[in-house]
Amino acid sequence: MSTAPKNKLAVALQYEAPGTPRVVAKGKGEIGQKIIDVAREHGVPIEENASLAGALSEVEIGNEIPIELYKAVAEVLLFLMRMSGVRPGQKAAPTPAAGQGATQTRTRTQGPAQPAAQALMGPRR
C-alpha cells in the first residue's frame, strides 16, 4: 500500500544558459513521489511551491516554460545558485538531474565546468 498522497505533484525543470528552462519530468501521486525520491537520492535541493508547480505541470514535457513564469522560475534559480554558493556568471561542477516535490530545476552555463542547480517545487507540507 502506498503512503504517498494521491495529489503529490512534482515537476522537474532543466535550464541550460542561454536558453529557456524546459520541463523534463512531471507527475502526480506515485509518479510525483518517485520523482521526489530520485531527487533526494541525487542530493537535489527541493523548492516547494504549490502554485508554481501547478502552473508548470500544464507545460508539456520537453517544452520551454511560458514567458508568464519566467520571473517565478528565475527567482527559484537565483535562490538555488545562492544556496550552492554559485554567483551569476560563475562556473561550478554539474550535478545529476533528478526531482522532488513539484519542480526540479537544473541550471547549466556553457564552458568546461558547467554549473548546475537543481530543485523541485511542490505542495508545502
PDB file of N, CA and C in Angstrom:
ATOM      1  N   MET A   1       0.836  -1.185   0.000  1.00  0.00           N
ATOM      2  CA  MET A   1       0.000   0.000   0.000  1.00  0.00           C
ATOM      3  C   MET A   1       0.875   1.240   0.000  1.00  0.00           C
ATOM      4  N   SER A   2       0.575   2.191  -0.849  1.00  0.00           N
ATOM      5  CA  SER A   2       1.353   3.407  -0.964  1.00  0.00           C
ATOM      6  C   SER A   2       0.962   4.407   0.111  1.00  0.00           C
ATOM      7  N   THR A   3       1.986   5.062   0.669  1.00  0.00           N
ATOM      8  CA  THR A   3       1.713   6.104   1.664  1.00  0.00           C
ATOM      9  C   THR A   3       1.795   7.490   1.049  1.00  0.00           C
ATOM     10  N   ALA A   4       2.168   7.572  -0.235  1.00  0.00           N
ATOM     11  CA  ALA A   4       2.276   8.864  -0.899  1.00  0.00           C
ATOM     12  C   ALA A   4       0.885   9.439  -1.131  1.00  0.00           C
ATOM     13  N   PRO A   5       0.707  10.728  -0.830  1.00  0.00           N
ATOM     14  CA  PRO A   5      -0.590  11.340  -1.100  1.00  0.00           C
ATOM     15  C   PRO A   5      -0.910  11.272  -2.583  1.00  0.00           C
ATOM     16  N   LYS A   6      -2.171  11.021  -2.898  1.00  0.00           N
ATOM     17  CA  LYS A   6      -2.577  10.896  -4.292  1.00  0.00           C
ATOM     18  C   LYS A   6      -2.367  12.191  -5.071  1.00  0.00           C
ATOM     19  N   ASN A   7      -2.332  13.321  -4.373  1.00  0.00           N
ATOM     20  CA  ASN A   7      -2.195  14.598  -5.070  1.00  0.00           C
ATOM     21  C   ASN A   7      -0.767  15.135  -5.048  1.00  0.00           C
ATOM     22  N   LYS A   8       0.237  14.339  -4.646  1.00  0.00           N
ATOM     23  CA  LYS A   8       1.628  14.792  -4.635  1.00  0.00           C
ATOM     24  C   LYS A   8       2.037  15.117  -6.065  1.00  0.00           C
ATOM     25  N   LEU A   9       2.514  16.334  -6.288  1.00  0.00           N
ATOM     26  CA  LEU A   9       2.853  16.806  -7.617  1.00  0.00           C
ATOM     27  C   LEU A   9       4.336  17.133  -7.679  1.00  0.00           C
ATOM     28  N   ALA A  10       4.995  16.702  -8.728  1.00  0.00           N
ATOM     29  CA  ALA A  10       6.410  17.010  -8.931  1.00  0.00           C
ATOM     30  C   ALA A  10       6.623  17.426 -10.379  1.00  0.00           C
ATOM     31  N   VAL A  11       7.413  18.482 -10.565  1.00  0.00           N
ATOM     32  CA  VAL A  11       7.770  18.964 -11.897  1.00  0.00           C
ATOM     33  C   VAL A  11       9.271  19.206 -11.898  1.00  0.00           C
ATOM     34  N   ALA A  12       9.968  18.643 -12.871  1.00  0.00           N
ATOM     35  CA  ALA A  12      11.413  18.824 -12.985  1.00  0.00           C
ATOM     36  C   ALA A  12      11.701  19.745 -14.160  1.00  0.00           C
ATOM     37  N   LEU A  13      12.569  20.715 -13.913  1.00  0.00           N
ATOM     38  CA  LEU A  13      12.982  21.653 -14.955  1.00  0.00           C
ATOM     39  C   LEU A  13      14.462  21.481 -15.234  1.00  0.00           C
ATOM     40  N   GLN A  14      14.858  21.785 -16.463  1.00  0.00           N
ATOM     41  CA  GLN A  14      16.269  21.831 -16.818  1.00  0.00           C
ATOM     42  C   GLN A  14      16.521  23.154 -17.502  1.00  0.00           C
ATOM     43  N   TYR A  15      17.600  23.808 -17.102  1.00  0.00           N
ATOM     44  CA  TYR A  15      17.962  25.089 -17.699  1.00  0.00           C
ATOM     45  C   TYR A  15      19.413  25.036 -18.132  1.00  0.00           C
ATOM     46  N   GLU A  16      19.645  25.337 -19.392  1.00  0.00           N
ATOM     47  CA  GLU A  16      20.996  25.447 -19.920  1.00  0.00           C
ATOM     48  C   GLU A  16      21.126  26.813 -20.565  1.00  0.00           C
ATOM     49  N   ALA A  17      21.954  27.675 -19.955  1.00  0.00           N
ATOM     50  CA  ALA A  17      22.156  29.026 -20.469  1.00  0.00           C
ATOM     51  C   ALA A  17      22.742  28.943 -21.865  1.00  0.00           C
ATOM     52  N   PRO A  18      22.357  29.789 -22.758  1.00  0.00           N
ATOM     53  CA  PRO A  18      21.488  30.950 -22.629  1.00  0.00           C
ATOM     54  C   PRO A  18      20.042  30.652 -22.985  1.00  0.00           C
ATOM     55  N   GLY A  19      19.622  29.423 -22.911  1.00  0.00           N
ATOM     56  CA  GLY A  19      18.262  29.045 -23.308  1.00  0.00           C
ATOM     57  C   GLY A  19      17.214  29.345 -22.258  1.00  0.00           C
ATOM     58  N   THR A  20      16.081  28.725 -22.441  1.00  0.00           N
ATOM     59  CA  THR A  20      14.932  28.879 -21.539  1.00  0.00           C
ATOM     60  C   THR A  20      14.725  27.557 -20.805  1.00  0.00           C
ATOM     61  N   PRO A  21      14.369  27.613 -19.519  1.00  0.00           N
ATOM     62  CA  PRO A  21      14.109  26.370 -18.792  1.00  0.00           C
ATOM     63  C   PRO A  21      13.034  25.522 -19.484  1.00  0.00           C
ATOM     64  N   ARG A  22      13.231  24.213 -19.440  1.00  0.00           N
ATOM     65  CA  ARG A  22      12.294  23.258 -20.031  1.00  0.00           C
ATOM     66  C   ARG A  22      11.806  22.294 -18.964  1.00  0.00           C
ATOM     67  N   VAL A  23      10.583  21.830 -19.144  1.00  0.00           N
ATOM     68  CA  VAL A  23      10.047  20.790 -18.276  1.00  0.00           C
ATOM     69  C   VAL A  23      10.605  19.472 -18.773  1.00  0.00           C
ATOM     70  N   VAL A  24      11.278  18.723 -17.887  1.00  0.00           N
ATOM     71  CA  VAL A  24      11.879  17.451 -18.293  1.00  0.00           C
ATOM     72  C   VAL A  24      11.200  16.255 -17.640  1.00  0.00           C
ATOM     73  N   ALA A  25      10.396  16.495 -16.616  1.00  0.00           N
ATOM     74  CA  ALA A  25       9.638  15.419 -15.982  1.00  0.00           C
ATOM     75  C   ALA A  25       8.525  16.033 -15.157  1.00  0.00           C
ATOM     76  N   LYS A  26       7.429  15.306 -15.040  1.00  0.00           N
ATOM     77  CA  LYS A  26       6.342  15.753 -14.179  1.00  0.00           C
ATOM     78  C   LYS A  26       5.489  14.554 -13.841  1.00  0.00           C
ATOM     79  N   GLY A  27       4.848  14.622 -12.705  1.00  0.00           N
ATOM     80  CA  GLY A  27       3.989  13.523 -12.317  1.00  0.00           C
ATOM     81  C   GLY A  27       3.223  13.845 -11.058  1.00  0.00           C
ATOM     82  N   LYS A  28       2.160  13.075 -10.858  1.00  0.00           N
ATOM     83  CA  LYS A  28       1.280  13.254  -9.714  1.00  0.00           C
ATOM     84  C   LYS A  28       1.125  11.913  -9.021  1.00  0.00           C
ATOM     85  N   GLY A  29       0.872  11.949  -7.731  1.00  0.00           N
ATOM     86  CA  GLY A  29       0.668  10.706  -6.995  1.00  0.00           C
ATOM     87  C   GLY A  29       1.954   9.911  -6.879  1.00  0.00           C
ATOM     88  N   GLU A  30       1.890   8.635  -7.223  1.00  0.00           N
ATOM     89  CA  GLU A  30       3.060   7.763  -7.103  1.00  0.00           C
ATOM     90  C   GLU A  30       4.203   8.214  -8.004  1.00  0.00           C
ATOM     91  N   ILE A  31       3.891   8.695  -9.200  1.00  0.00           N
ATOM     92  CA  ILE A  31       4.932   9.161 -10.113  1.00  0.00           C
ATOM     93  C   ILE A  31       5.590  10.410  -9.543  1.00  0.00           C
ATOM     94  N   GLY A  32       4.791  11.323  -9.026  1.00  0.00           N
ATOM     95  CA  GLY A  32       5.337  12.520  -8.383  1.00  0.00           C
ATOM     96  C   GLY A  32       6.238  12.158  -7.217  1.00  0.00           C
ATOM     97  N   GLN A  33       5.811  11.188  -6.424  1.00  0.00           N
ATOM     98  CA  GLN A  33       6.622  10.759  -5.279  1.00  0.00           C
ATOM     99  C   GLN A  33       7.929  10.132  -5.750  1.00  0.00           C
ATOM    100  N   LYS A  34       7.893   9.384  -6.853  1.00  0.00           N
ATOM    101  CA  LYS A  34       9.110   8.767  -7.389  1.00  0.00           C
ATOM    102  C   LYS A  34      10.089   9.845  -7.853  1.00  0.00           C
ATOM    103  N   ILE A  35       9.587  10.881  -8.499  1.00  0.00           N
ATOM    104  CA  ILE A  35      10.441  11.989  -8.924  1.00  0.00           C
ATOM    105  C   ILE A  35      11.104  12.617  -7.694  1.00  0.00           C
ATOM    106  N   ILE A  36      10.333  12.789  -6.648  1.00  0.00           N
ATOM    107  CA  ILE A  36      10.846  13.354  -5.398  1.00  0.00           C
ATOM    108  C   ILE A  36      11.915  12.442  -4.798  1.00  0.00           C
ATOM    109  N   ASP A  37      11.640  11.158  -4.760  1.00  0.00           N
ATOM    110  CA  ASP A  37      12.591  10.193  -4.196  1.00  0.00           C
ATOM    111  C   ASP A  37      13.913  10.198  -4.961  1.00  0.00           C
ATOM    112  N   VAL A  38      13.834  10.219  -6.276  1.00  0.00           N
ATOM    113  CA  VAL A  38      15.045  10.228  -7.103  1.00  0.00           C
ATOM    114  C   VAL A  38      15.832  11.517  -6.862  1.00  0.00           C
ATOM    115  N   ALA A  39      15.146  12.621  -6.734  1.00  0.00           N
ATOM    116  CA  ALA A  39      15.819  13.894  -6.460  1.00  0.00           C
ATOM    117  C   ALA A  39      16.578  13.813  -5.147  1.00  0.00           C
ATOM    118  N   ARG A  40      15.934  13.292  -4.137  1.00  0.00           N
ATOM    119  CA  ARG A  40      16.600  13.160  -2.832  1.00  0.00           C
ATOM    120  C   ARG A  40      17.811  12.247  -2.923  1.00  0.00           C
ATOM    121  N   GLU A  41      17.670  11.137  -3.649  1.00  0.00           N
ATOM    122  CA  GLU A  41      18.776  10.195  -3.816  1.00  0.00           C
ATOM    123  C   GLU A  41      19.988  10.857  -4.451  1.00  0.00           C
ATOM    124  N   HIS A  42      19.744  11.847  -5.310  1.00  0.00           N
ATOM    125  CA  HIS A  42      20.824  12.532  -6.021  1.00  0.00           C
ATOM    126  C   HIS A  42      21.211  13.857  -5.384  1.00  0.00           C
ATOM    127  N   GLY A  43      20.672  14.131  -4.190  1.00  0.00           N
ATOM    128  CA  GLY A  43      21.028  15.355  -3.478  1.00  0.00           C
ATOM    129  C   GLY A  43      20.504  16.626  -4.117  1.00  0.00           C
ATOM    130  N   VAL A  44      19.404  16.523  -4.818  1.00  0.00           N
ATOM    131  CA  VAL A  44      18.826  17.686  -5.483  1.00  0.00           C
ATOM    132  C   VAL A  44      18.056  18.519  -4.460  1.00  0.00           C
ATOM    133  N   PRO A  45      18.409  19.799  -4.327  1.00  0.00           N
ATOM    134  CA  PRO A  45      17.646  20.656  -3.413  1.00  0.00           C
ATOM    135  C   PRO A  45      16.193  20.740  -3.872  1.00  0.00           C
ATOM    136  N   ILE A  46      15.305  20.869  -2.925  1.00  0.00           N
ATOM    137  CA  ILE A  46      13.880  20.902  -3.242  1.00  0.00           C
ATOM    138  C   ILE A  46      13.291  22.241  -2.852  1.00  0.00           C
ATOM    139  N   GLU A  47      12.628  22.837  -3.803  1.00  0.00           N
ATOM    140  CA  GLU A  47      11.894  24.079  -3.558  1.00  0.00           C
ATOM    141  C   GLU A  47      10.423  23.722  -3.666  1.00  0.00           C
ATOM    142  N   GLU A  48       9.691  23.912  -2.597  1.00  0.00           N
ATOM    143  CA  GLU A  48       8.272  23.576  -2.611  1.00  0.00           C
ATOM    144  C   GLU A  48       7.447  24.834  -2.838  1.00  0.00           C
ATOM    145  N   ASN A  49       6.673  24.811  -3.901  1.00  0.00           N
ATOM    146  CA  ASN A  49       5.846  25.945  -4.284  1.00  0.00           C
ATOM    147  C   ASN A  49       4.654  25.383  -5.064  1.00  0.00           C
ATOM    148  N   ALA A  50       3.553  25.174  -4.367  1.00  0.00           N
ATOM    149  CA  ALA A  50       2.395  24.501  -4.965  1.00  0.00           C
ATOM    150  C   ALA A  50       1.827  25.254  -6.160  1.00  0.00           C
ATOM    151  N   SER A  51       1.734  26.577  -6.073  1.00  0.00           N
ATOM    152  CA  SER A  51       1.122  27.309  -7.183  1.00  0.00           C
ATOM    153  C   SER A  51       2.016  27.286  -8.426  1.00  0.00           C
ATOM    154  N   LEU A  52       3.333  27.430  -8.234  1.00  0.00           N
ATOM    155  CA  LEU A  52       4.246  27.372  -9.379  1.00  0.00           C
ATOM    156  C   LEU A  52       4.282  25.960  -9.961  1.00  0.00           C
ATOM    157  N   ALA A  53       4.296  24.957  -9.096  1.00  0.00           N
ATOM    158  CA  ALA A  53       4.282  23.573  -9.575  1.00  0.00           C
ATOM    159  C   ALA A  53       3.021  23.297 -10.386  1.00  0.00           C
ATOM    160  N   GLY A  54       1.902  23.790  -9.905  1.00  0.00           N
ATOM    161  CA  GLY A  54       0.650  23.598 -10.634  1.00  0.00           C
ATOM    162  C   GLY A  54       0.694  24.231 -12.009  1.00  0.00           C
ATOM    163  N   ALA A  55       1.239  25.449 -12.075  1.00  0.00           N
ATOM    164  CA  ALA A  55       1.336  26.133 -13.371  1.00  0.00           C
ATOM    165  C   ALA A  55       2.306  25.396 -14.298  1.00  0.00           C
ATOM    166  N   LEU A  56       3.431  24.962 -13.755  1.00  0.00           N
ATOM    167  CA  LEU A  56       4.422  24.252 -14.573  1.00  0.00           C
ATOM    168  C   LEU A  56       3.929  22.883 -15.026  1.00  0.00           C
ATOM    169  N   SER A  57       3.030  22.290 -14.268  1.00  0.00           N
ATOM    170  CA  SER A  57       2.521  20.964 -14.645  1.00  0.00           C
ATOM    171  C   SER A  57       1.663  21.018 -15.904  1.00  0.00           C
ATOM    172  N   GLU A  58       1.247  22.207 -16.293  1.00  0.00           N
ATOM    173  CA  GLU A  58       0.466  22.373 -17.525  1.00  0.00           C
ATOM    174  C   GLU A  58       1.342  22.379 -18.774  1.00  0.00           C
ATOM    175  N   VAL A  59       2.654  22.526 -18.585  1.00  0.00           N
ATOM    176  CA  VAL A  59       3.595  22.560 -19.707  1.00  0.00           C
ATOM    177  C   VAL A  59       3.939  21.123 -20.101  1.00  0.00           C
ATOM    178  N   GLU A  60       3.928  20.839 -21.384  1.00  0.00           N
ATOM    179  CA  GLU A  60       4.253  19.507 -21.874  1.00  0.00           C
ATOM    180  C   GLU A  60       5.730  19.213 -21.654  1.00  0.00           C
ATOM    181  N   ILE A  61       6.055  17.956 -21.372  1.00  0.00           N
ATOM    182  CA  ILE A  61       7.439  17.538 -21.187  1.00  0.00           C
ATOM    183  C   ILE A  61       8.221  17.837 -22.464  1.00  0.00           C
ATOM    184  N   GLY A  62       9.375  18.451 -22.290  1.00  0.00           N
ATOM    185  CA  GLY A  62      10.223  18.835 -23.415  1.00  0.00           C
ATOM    186  C   GLY A  62      10.031  20.268 -23.861  1.00  0.00           C
ATOM    187  N   ASN A  63       8.928  20.888 -23.447  1.00  0.00           N
ATOM    188  CA  ASN A  63       8.651  22.263 -23.846  1.00  0.00           C
ATOM    189  C   ASN A  63       9.281  23.268 -22.889  1.00  0.00           C
ATOM    190  N   GLU A  64       9.575  24.459 -23.428  1.00  0.00           N
ATOM    191  CA  GLU A  64      10.071  25.556 -22.611  1.00  0.00           C
ATOM    192  C   GLU A  64       8.948  26.088 -21.741  1.00  0.00           C
ATOM    193  N   ILE A  65       9.336  26.688 -20.601  1.00  0.00           N
ATOM    194  CA  ILE A  65       8.328  27.284 -19.736  1.00  0.00           C
ATOM    195  C   ILE A  65       7.754  28.515 -20.429  1.00  0.00           C
ATOM    196  N   PRO A  66       6.502  28.859 -20.161  1.00  0.00           N
ATOM    197  CA  PRO A  66       5.911  30.044 -20.778  1.00  0.00           C
ATOM    198  C   PRO A  66       6.493  31.320 -20.179  1.00  0.00           C
ATOM    199  N   ILE A  67       6.498  32.363 -20.963  1.00  0.00           N
ATOM    200  CA  ILE A  67       7.070  33.644 -20.546  1.00  0.00           C
ATOM    201  C   ILE A  67       6.438  34.151 -19.243  1.00  0.00           C
ATOM    202  N   GLU A  68       5.176  33.813 -19.012  1.00  0.00           N
ATOM    203  CA  GLU A  68       4.484  34.268 -17.808  1.00  0.00           C
ATOM    204  C   GLU A  68       5.126  33.713 -16.539  1.00  0.00           C
ATOM    205  N   LEU A  69       5.893  32.626 -16.656  1.00  0.00           N
ATOM    206  CA  LEU A  69       6.506  32.001 -15.479  1.00  0.00           C
ATOM    207  C   LEU A  69       7.996  32.319 -15.343  1.00  0.00           C
ATOM    208  N   TYR A  70       8.544  33.107 -16.263  1.00  0.00           N
ATOM    209  CA  TYR A  70       9.969  33.430 -16.229  1.00  0.00           C
ATOM    210  C   TYR A  70      10.406  33.998 -14.885  1.00  0.00           C
ATOM    211  N   LYS A  71       9.686  34.990 -14.395  1.00  0.00           N
ATOM    212  CA  LYS A  71      10.102  35.668 -13.160  1.00  0.00           C
ATOM    213  C   LYS A  71      10.107  34.697 -11.983  1.00  0.00           C
ATOM    214  N   ALA A  72       9.045  33.919 -11.828  1.00  0.00           N
ATOM    215  CA  ALA A  72       8.948  32.986 -10.706  1.00  0.00           C
ATOM    216  C   ALA A  72      10.054  31.929 -10.773  1.00  0.00           C
ATOM    217  N   VAL A  73      10.306  31.399 -11.960  1.00  0.00           N
ATOM    218  CA  VAL A  73      11.341  30.377 -12.115  1.00  0.00           C
ATOM    219  C   VAL A  73      12.723  31.000 -11.920  1.00  0.00           C
ATOM    220  N   ALA A  74      12.935  32.215 -12.419  1.00  0.00           N
ATOM    221  CA  ALA A  74      14.224  32.894 -12.241  1.00  0.00           C
ATOM    222  C   ALA A  74      14.527  33.104 -10.759  1.00  0.00           C
ATOM    223  N   GLU A  75      13.511  33.428  -9.970  1.00  0.00           N
ATOM    224  CA  GLU A  75      13.714  33.612  -8.533  1.00  0.00           C
ATOM    225  C   GLU A  75      14.154  32.305  -7.884  1.00  0.00           C
ATOM    226  N   VAL A  76      13.575  31.193  -8.304  1.00  0.00           N
ATOM    227  CA  VAL A  76      13.963  29.887  -7.767  1.00  0.00           C
ATOM    228  C   VAL A  76      15.404  29.567  -8.170  1.00  0.00           C
ATOM    229  N   LEU A  77      15.745  29.792  -9.445  1.00  0.00           N
ATOM    230  CA  LEU A  77      17.106  29.513  -9.908  1.00  0.00           C
ATOM    231  C   LEU A  77      18.129  30.360  -9.156  1.00  0.00           C
ATOM    232  N   LEU A  78      17.836  31.626  -8.967  1.00  0.00           N
ATOM    233  CA  LEU A  78      18.741  32.512  -8.238  1.00  0.00           C
ATOM    234  C   LEU A  78      18.916  32.039  -6.793  1.00  0.00           C
ATOM    235  N   PHE A  79      17.819  31.666  -6.157  1.00  0.00           N
ATOM    236  CA  PHE A  79      17.876  31.147  -4.794  1.00  0.00           C
ATOM    237  C   PHE A  79      18.769  29.911  -4.728  1.00  0.00           C
ATOM    238  N   LEU A  80      18.587  28.998  -5.676  1.00  0.00           N
ATOM    239  CA  LEU A  80      19.381  27.771  -5.687  1.00  0.00           C
ATOM    240  C   LEU A  80      20.852  28.048  -5.920  1.00  0.00           C
ATOM    241  N   MET A  81      21.141  28.977  -6.798  1.00  0.00           N
ATOM    242  CA  MET A  81      22.528  29.332  -7.054  1.00  0.00           C
ATOM    243  C   MET A  81      23.162  29.915  -5.796  1.00  0.00           C
ATOM    244  N   ARG A  82      22.427  30.766  -5.111  1.00  0.00           N
ATOM    245  CA  ARG A  82      22.950  31.347  -3.866  1.00  0.00           C
ATOM    246  C   ARG A  82      23.178  30.264  -2.826  1.00  0.00           C
ATOM    247  N   MET A  83      22.227  29.323  -2.711  1.00  0.00           N
ATOM    248  CA  MET A  83      22.343  28.246  -1.732  1.00  0.00           C
ATOM    249  C   MET A  83      23.559  27.355  -2.024  1.00  0.00           C
ATOM    250  N   SER A  84      23.887  27.190  -3.295  1.00  0.00           N
ATOM    251  CA  SER A  84      25.021  26.340  -3.667  1.00  0.00           C
ATOM    252  C   SER A  84      26.330  27.127  -3.707  1.00  0.00           C
ATOM    253  N   GLY A  85      26.276  28.423  -3.405  1.00  0.00           N
ATOM    254  CA  GLY A  85      27.477  29.243  -3.387  1.00  0.00           C
ATOM    255  C   GLY A  85      27.924  29.715  -4.755  1.00  0.00           C
ATOM    256  N   VAL A  86      27.085  29.544  -5.759  1.00  0.00           N
ATOM    257  CA  VAL A  86      27.416  29.967  -7.115  1.00  0.00           C
ATOM    258  C   VAL A  86      26.807  31.339  -7.354  1.00  0.00           C
ATOM    259  N   ARG A  87      27.629  32.246  -7.921  1.00  0.00           N
ATOM    260  CA  ARG A  87      27.123  33.563  -8.277  1.00  0.00           C
ATOM    261  C   ARG A  87      26.827  33.601  -9.767  1.00  0.00           C
ATOM    262  N   PRO A  88      25.883  34.432 -10.188  1.00  0.00           N
ATOM    263  CA  PRO A  88      25.588  34.511 -11.626  1.00  0.00           C
ATOM    264  C   PRO A  88      26.868  34.740 -12.424  1.00  0.00           C
ATOM    265  N   GLY A  89      27.042  33.948 -13.478  1.00  0.00           N
ATOM    266  CA  GLY A  89      28.228  34.046 -14.317  1.00  0.00           C
ATOM    267  C   GLY A  89      29.381  33.190 -13.844  1.00  0.00           C
ATOM    268  N   GLN A  90      29.317  32.688 -12.609  1.00  0.00           N
ATOM    269  CA  GLN A  90      30.363  31.842 -12.058  1.00  0.00           C
ATOM    270  C   GLN A  90      30.117  30.404 -12.495  1.00  0.00           C
ATOM    271  N   LYS A  91      31.187  29.639 -12.676  1.00  0.00           N
ATOM    272  CA  LYS A  91      31.050  28.250 -13.094  1.00  0.00           C
ATOM    273  C   LYS A  91      31.177  27.334 -11.887  1.00  0.00           C
ATOM    274  N   ALA A  92      30.447  26.219 -11.913  1.00  0.00           N
ATOM    275  CA  ALA A  92      30.503  25.217 -10.845  1.00  0.00           C
ATOM    276  C   ALA A  92      30.400  23.845 -11.472  1.00  0.00           C
ATOM    277  N   ALA A  93      30.663  22.822 -10.692  1.00  0.00           N
ATOM    278  CA  ALA A  93      30.579  21.448 -11.194  1.00  0.00           C
ATOM    279  C   ALA A  93      29.130  21.038 -11.394  1.00  0.00           C
ATOM    280  N   PRO A  94      28.823  20.250 -12.423  1.00  0.00           N
ATOM    281  CA  PRO A  94      27.451  19.808 -12.667  1.00  0.00           C
ATOM    282  C   PRO A  94      26.995  18.798 -11.624  1.00  0.00           C
ATOM    283  N   THR A  95      25.701  18.729 -11.427  1.00  0.00           N
ATOM    284  CA  THR A  95      25.109  17.727 -10.545  1.00  0.00           C
ATOM    285  C   THR A  95      24.127  16.915 -11.360  1.00  0.00           C
ATOM    286  N   PRO A  96      23.836  15.681 -10.955  1.00  0.00           N
ATOM    287  CA  PRO A  96      22.926  14.840 -11.744  1.00  0.00           C
ATOM    288  C   PRO A  96      21.498  15.352 -11.711  1.00  0.00           C
ATOM    289  N   ALA A  97      20.772  15.093 -12.760  1.00  0.00           N
ATOM    290  CA  ALA A  97      19.371  15.509 -12.818  1.00  0.00           C
ATOM    291  C   ALA A  97      18.524  14.575 -11.974  1.00  0.00           C
ATOM    292  N   ALA A  98      17.506  15.138 -11.375  1.00  0.00           N
ATOM    293  CA  ALA A  98      16.550  14.358 -10.591  1.00  0.00           C
ATOM    294  C   ALA A  98      15.435  15.289 -10.192  1.00  0.00           C
ATOM    295  N   GLY A  99      14.512  14.853  -9.348  1.00  0.00           N
ATOM    296  CA  GLY A  99      13.441  15.737  -8.987  1.00  0.00           C
ATOM    297  C   GLY A  99      12.706  15.358  -7.732  1.00  0.00           C
ATOM    298  N   GLN A 100      12.011  16.341  -7.138  1.00  0.00           N
ATOM    299  CA  GLN A 100      11.149  16.068  -5.998  1.00  0.00           C
ATOM    300  C   GLN A 100      10.142  17.175  -5.810  1.00  0.00           C
ATOM    301  N   GLY A 101       9.182  16.891  -4.992  1.00  0.00           N
ATOM    302  CA  GLY A 101       8.206  17.887  -4.594  1.00  0.00           C
ATOM    303  C   GLY A 101       7.336  18.240  -5.754  1.00  0.00           C
ATOM    304  N   ALA A 102       7.669  19.310  -6.416  1.00  0.00           N
ATOM    305  CA  ALA A 102       6.877  19.669  -7.552  1.00  0.00           C
ATOM    306  C   ALA A 102       7.722  20.138  -8.689  1.00  0.00           C
ATOM    307  N   THR A 103       8.833  20.744  -8.430  1.00  0.00           N
ATOM    308  CA  THR A 103       9.652  21.183  -9.537  1.00  0.00           C
ATOM    309  C   THR A 103      11.112  20.957  -9.249  1.00  0.00           C
ATOM    310  N   GLN A 104      11.776  20.294 -10.113  1.00  0.00           N
ATOM    311  CA  GLN A 104      13.209  20.167 -10.011  1.00  0.00           C
ATOM    312  C   GLN A 104      13.774  21.104 -11.045  1.00  0.00           C
ATOM    313  N   THR A 105      14.793  21.829 -10.691  1.00  0.00           N
ATOM    314  CA  THR A 105      15.396  22.742 -11.635  1.00  0.00           C
ATOM    315  C   THR A 105      16.874  22.436 -11.755  1.00  0.00           C
ATOM    316  N   ARG A 106      17.346  22.380 -12.964  1.00  0.00           N
ATOM    317  CA  ARG A 106      18.761  22.156 -13.192  1.00  0.00           C
ATOM    318  C   ARG A 106      19.253  23.286 -14.075  1.00  0.00           C
ATOM    319  N   THR A 107      20.289  23.992 -13.633  1.00  0.00           N
ATOM    320  CA  THR A 107      20.824  25.074 -14.444  1.00  0.00           C
ATOM    321  C   THR A 107      22.228  24.723 -14.891  1.00  0.00           C
ATOM    322  N   ARG A 108      22.567  25.150 -16.081  1.00  0.00           N
ATOM    323  CA  ARG A 108      23.917  24.959 -16.593  1.00  0.00           C
ATOM    324  C   ARG A 108      24.310  26.145 -17.434  1.00  0.00           C
ATOM    325  N   THR A 109      25.576  26.508 -17.375  1.00  0.00           N
ATOM    326  CA  THR A 109      26.094  27.523 -18.277  1.00  0.00           C
ATOM    327  C   THR A 109      27.111  26.856 -19.181  1.00  0.00           C
ATOM    328  N   GLN A 110      27.472  27.549 -20.243  1.00  0.00           N
ATOM    329  CA  GLN A 110      28.415  26.970 -21.181  1.00  0.00           C
ATOM    330  C   GLN A 110      29.823  27.040 -20.615  1.00  0.00           C
ATOM    331  N   GLY A 111      30.678  26.139 -21.065  1.00  0.00           N
ATOM    332  CA  GLY A 111      32.065  26.131 -20.631  1.00  0.00           C
ATOM    333  C   GLY A 111      32.453  24.773 -20.106  1.00  0.00           C
ATOM    334  N   PRO A 112      33.726  24.583 -19.813  1.00  0.00           N
ATOM    335  CA  PRO A 112      34.205  23.286 -19.379  1.00  0.00           C
ATOM    336  C   PRO A 112      33.607  22.831 -18.057  1.00  0.00           C
ATOM    337  N   ALA A 113      33.540  23.718 -17.087  1.00  0.00           N
ATOM    338  CA  ALA A 113      32.879  23.380 -15.824  1.00  0.00           C
ATOM    339  C   ALA A 113      31.494  23.988 -15.892  1.00  0.00           C
ATOM    340  N   GLN A 114      30.490  23.161 -15.990  1.00  0.00           N
ATOM    341  CA  GLN A 114      29.139  23.662 -16.190  1.00  0.00           C
ATOM    342  C   GLN A 114      28.374  23.674 -14.878  1.00  0.00           C
ATOM    343  N   PRO A 115      27.975  24.871 -14.386  1.00  0.00           N
ATOM    344  CA  PRO A 115      27.262  24.926 -13.122  1.00  0.00           C
ATOM    345  C   PRO A 115      25.877  24.322 -13.243  1.00  0.00           C
ATOM    346  N   ALA A 116      25.458  23.721 -12.186  1.00  0.00           N
ATOM    347  CA  ALA A 116      24.127  23.138 -12.180  1.00  0.00           C
ATOM    348  C   ALA A 116      23.477  23.395 -10.833  1.00  0.00           C
ATOM    349  N   ALA A 117      22.258  23.802 -10.861  1.00  0.00           N
ATOM    350  CA  ALA A 117      21.466  23.945  -9.645  1.00  0.00           C
ATOM    351  C   ALA A 117      20.179  23.205  -9.900  1.00  0.00           C
ATOM    352  N   GLN A 118      19.767  22.426  -8.953  1.00  0.00           N
ATOM    353  CA  GLN A 118      18.556  21.644  -9.139  1.00  0.00           C
ATOM    354  C   GLN A 118      17.627  21.867  -7.975  1.00  0.00           C
ATOM    355  N   ALA A 119      16.361  21.831  -8.260  1.00  0.00           N
ATOM    356  CA  ALA A 119      15.376  21.980  -7.200  1.00  0.00           C
ATOM    357  C   ALA A 119      14.063  21.412  -7.670  1.00  0.00           C
ATOM    358  N   LEU A 120      13.180  21.239  -6.747  1.00  0.00           N
ATOM    359  CA  LEU A 120      11.836  20.808  -7.040  1.00  0.00           C
ATOM    360  C   LEU A 120      10.862  21.708  -6.338  1.00  0.00           C
ATOM    361  N   MET A 121       9.714  21.882  -6.926  1.00  0.00           N
ATOM    362  CA  MET A 121       8.705  22.705  -6.297  1.00  0.00           C
ATOM    363  C   MET A 121       7.433  21.913  -6.182  1.00  0.00           C
ATOM    364  N   GLY A 122       6.797  21.997  -5.062  1.00  0.00           N
ATOM    365  CA  GLY A 122       5.575  21.251  -4.868  1.00  0.00           C
ATOM    366  C   GLY A 122       4.782  21.776  -3.702  1.00  0.00           C
ATOM    367  N   PRO A 123       3.793  21.036  -3.303  1.00  0.00           N
ATOM    368  CA  PRO A 123       2.938  21.483  -2.207  1.00  0.00           C
ATOM    369  C   PRO A 123       3.712  21.535  -0.905  1.00  0.00           C
ATOM    370  N   ARG A 124       3.498  22.574  -0.174  1.00  0.00           N
ATOM    371  CA  ARG A 124       4.123  22.674   1.155  1.00  0.00           C
ATOM    372  C   ARG A 124       3.418  21.741   2.093  1.00  0.00           C
ATOM    373  N   ARG A 125       4.183  21.188   3.012  1.00  0.00           N
ATOM    374  CA  ARG A 125       3.599  20.245   3.975  1.00  0.00           C
ATOM    375  C   ARG A 125       2.974  20.998   5.124  1.00  0.00           C
TER     376      ARG A 125
END
